[in-house]
Structure formats: C-alpha cells, structure tokens
Protein backbone atom coordinates (compact mmCIF):
# COMPACT_ATOMS: atom_id res chain seq x y z
CA MET A 1 0.01 -0.19 0.15
CA SER A 2 1.10 3.49 -1.18
CA ASP A 3 0.22 5.25 1.49
CA CYS A 4 1.43 2.98 4.67
CA ILE A 5 4.32 3.83 6.66
CA PHE A 6 4.58 0.03 7.68
CA CYS A 7 4.73 -1.21 4.51
CA HIS A 8 7.65 1.81 3.63
CA ILE A 9 9.35 0.56 5.85
CA ALA A 10 9.52 -2.73 4.88
CA SER A 11 10.64 -1.93 1.89
CA LYS A 12 13.51 0.38 2.80
CA GLU A 13 11.70 3.64 2.12
CA ILE A 14 11.47 4.69 5.46
CA PRO A 15 14.55 4.06 7.51
CA ALA A 16 14.24 1.85 10.81
CA THR A 17 16.20 0.44 13.47
CA ILE A 18 15.49 -3.29 12.59
CA LEU A 19 16.32 -5.63 15.38
CA TYR A 20 15.27 -9.20 12.98
CA GLU A 21 14.45 -9.12 9.80
CA ASP A 22 13.40 -12.20 7.34
CA ASP A 23 11.06 -12.72 4.52
CA LEU A 24 8.08 -12.68 6.17
CA CYS A 25 8.72 -9.98 8.87
CA MET A 26 10.87 -7.49 11.09
CA ILE A 27 10.72 -6.27 14.63
CA PHE A 28 11.37 -2.75 15.23
CA PRO A 29 11.47 -0.85 18.20
CA ASP A 30 7.91 1.53 18.58
CA ILE A 31 8.75 5.42 18.07
CA ASN A 32 6.56 6.13 20.69
CA PRO A 33 7.20 3.31 23.10
CA LYS A 34 5.10 2.63 26.26
CA ALA A 35 7.53 0.69 27.94
CA LYS A 36 11.26 0.47 28.43
CA ASN A 37 11.30 -2.47 25.85
CA HIS A 38 8.21 -2.04 23.41
CA TRP A 39 8.95 -3.60 20.14
CA LEU A 40 6.67 -4.22 16.86
CA THR A 41 6.52 -7.51 15.13
CA ILE A 42 4.95 -6.89 11.56
CA PRO A 43 3.97 -9.13 8.33
CA LYS A 44 5.57 -7.39 5.14
CA LYS A 45 2.87 -8.76 3.70
CA HIS A 46 0.30 -6.00 3.79
CA ILE A 47 -2.68 -7.27 5.84
CA PRO A 48 -4.69 -4.01 7.51
CA SER A 49 -5.64 -5.75 10.14
CA ILE A 50 -6.08 -8.21 11.96
CA ILE A 51 -9.98 -8.90 11.14
CA ASP A 52 -8.80 -8.98 6.86
CA LEU A 53 -6.34 -12.50 7.85
CA GLU A 54 -7.12 -14.69 5.35
CA LYS A 55 -6.48 -18.06 4.99
CA GLY A 56 -3.21 -19.39 5.46
CA ASP A 57 -2.05 -16.73 6.88
CA GLU A 58 -2.26 -17.76 10.57
CA SER A 59 1.35 -19.59 9.68
CA LEU A 60 2.58 -15.99 9.20
CA ILE A 61 1.60 -14.66 12.78
CA GLY A 62 2.58 -18.01 14.60
CA HIS A 63 6.21 -17.25 12.53
CA MET A 64 5.53 -13.79 14.29
CA PHE A 65 4.92 -14.48 17.65
CA GLU A 66 7.66 -17.04 16.83
CA LYS A 67 10.26 -14.65 16.30
CA SER A 68 9.05 -12.56 19.01
CA ARG A 69 9.83 -14.81 21.90
CA ASP A 70 12.82 -15.82 19.99
CA LEU A 71 14.14 -11.93 19.76
CA ALA A 72 13.01 -11.58 23.93
CA VAL A 73 14.93 -14.74 25.21
CA SER A 74 18.35 -13.59 23.20
CA LYS A 75 17.90 -9.78 25.03
CA GLY A 76 17.25 -11.60 28.09
CA LEU A 77 13.38 -10.82 28.76
CA LYS A 78 12.41 -12.81 32.18
CA GLY A 79 8.53 -11.33 30.83
CA TYR A 80 6.13 -9.67 28.27
CA LYS A 81 3.50 -8.83 26.95
CA LEU A 82 2.41 -9.12 23.11
CA GLN A 83 -0.76 -7.45 22.05
CA PHE A 84 -2.90 -6.85 18.74
CA ASN A 85 -5.21 -3.71 18.24
CA VAL A 86 -7.65 -4.62 16.03
CA GLY A 87 -9.92 -1.48 14.22
CA GLU A 88 -9.85 1.28 15.49
CA ALA A 89 -12.69 1.17 18.49
CA GLY A 90 -9.81 -1.42 19.24
CA GLY A 91 -7.13 1.41 19.11
CA GLN A 92 -5.24 0.07 15.98
CA GLU A 93 -3.55 3.21 14.58
CA VAL A 94 -1.46 1.93 11.80
CA MET A 95 -3.61 -0.38 9.58
CA HIS A 96 -1.23 -2.95 9.16
CA VAL A 97 -1.48 -5.73 11.39
CA HIS A 98 1.39 -5.34 14.07
CA MET A 99 2.01 -7.09 17.02
CA HIS A 100 3.29 -5.20 20.31
CA LEU A 101 5.87 -6.40 22.41
CA LEU A 102 6.77 -4.94 25.70
CA ALA A 103 8.63 -4.96 28.26
CA ASP A 104 10.27 -3.34 31.26
C-alpha cells in the first residue's frame, strides 16, 4: 500500500532500527514506546487488520509470535506482553497488522 508507513519501513523506503528481519516479518522499536522495551513485529505482507486475515495467514501470524519470542529470549527478557489492537475501535492506529511486545 503506497500510503502505509509499515509497508514503507518493510521496503526500506523509511529507515528504522531493525532488531530482526527475514523474508516474512520484521521487528523494530516503537517510535512512541509505552515500556522500556516496546517492539513492533510486522508482516512484510500488507494485511490491514486481524479482521482481514485470509486462509493461510495463520502460519504468518505464528511466525511473528515465534520470532518475537526468539528475540525476547536473545535479549534476556524474563517476561513480556504481546498485544494486537484490532481496528480503530480496538485502538489500532496503523492499518497494517502489527504485534506489540512490551517489557520493562
């Protein structure tokens, strides 16, 4: 999507501090952190919201969980929260699926 900030980050048109990246997803710090460690995990595929998941996307979402966990372990985090905000009414501000990892 041409106006999606996360698509621009995923395509490297907008710089970000990349903590992890593979062919399916990317993890980077939130620019407005709500915790000492506040990372966003995004799929490189543009999916506006969890509501818009299609058959087959469950493996992509599972991959996002796995890579977020792996990064948390490698950074020595003992506990953390994982959160999806779904739709504007659910607090989603950027209409591209993203998972928040929050830890102090």
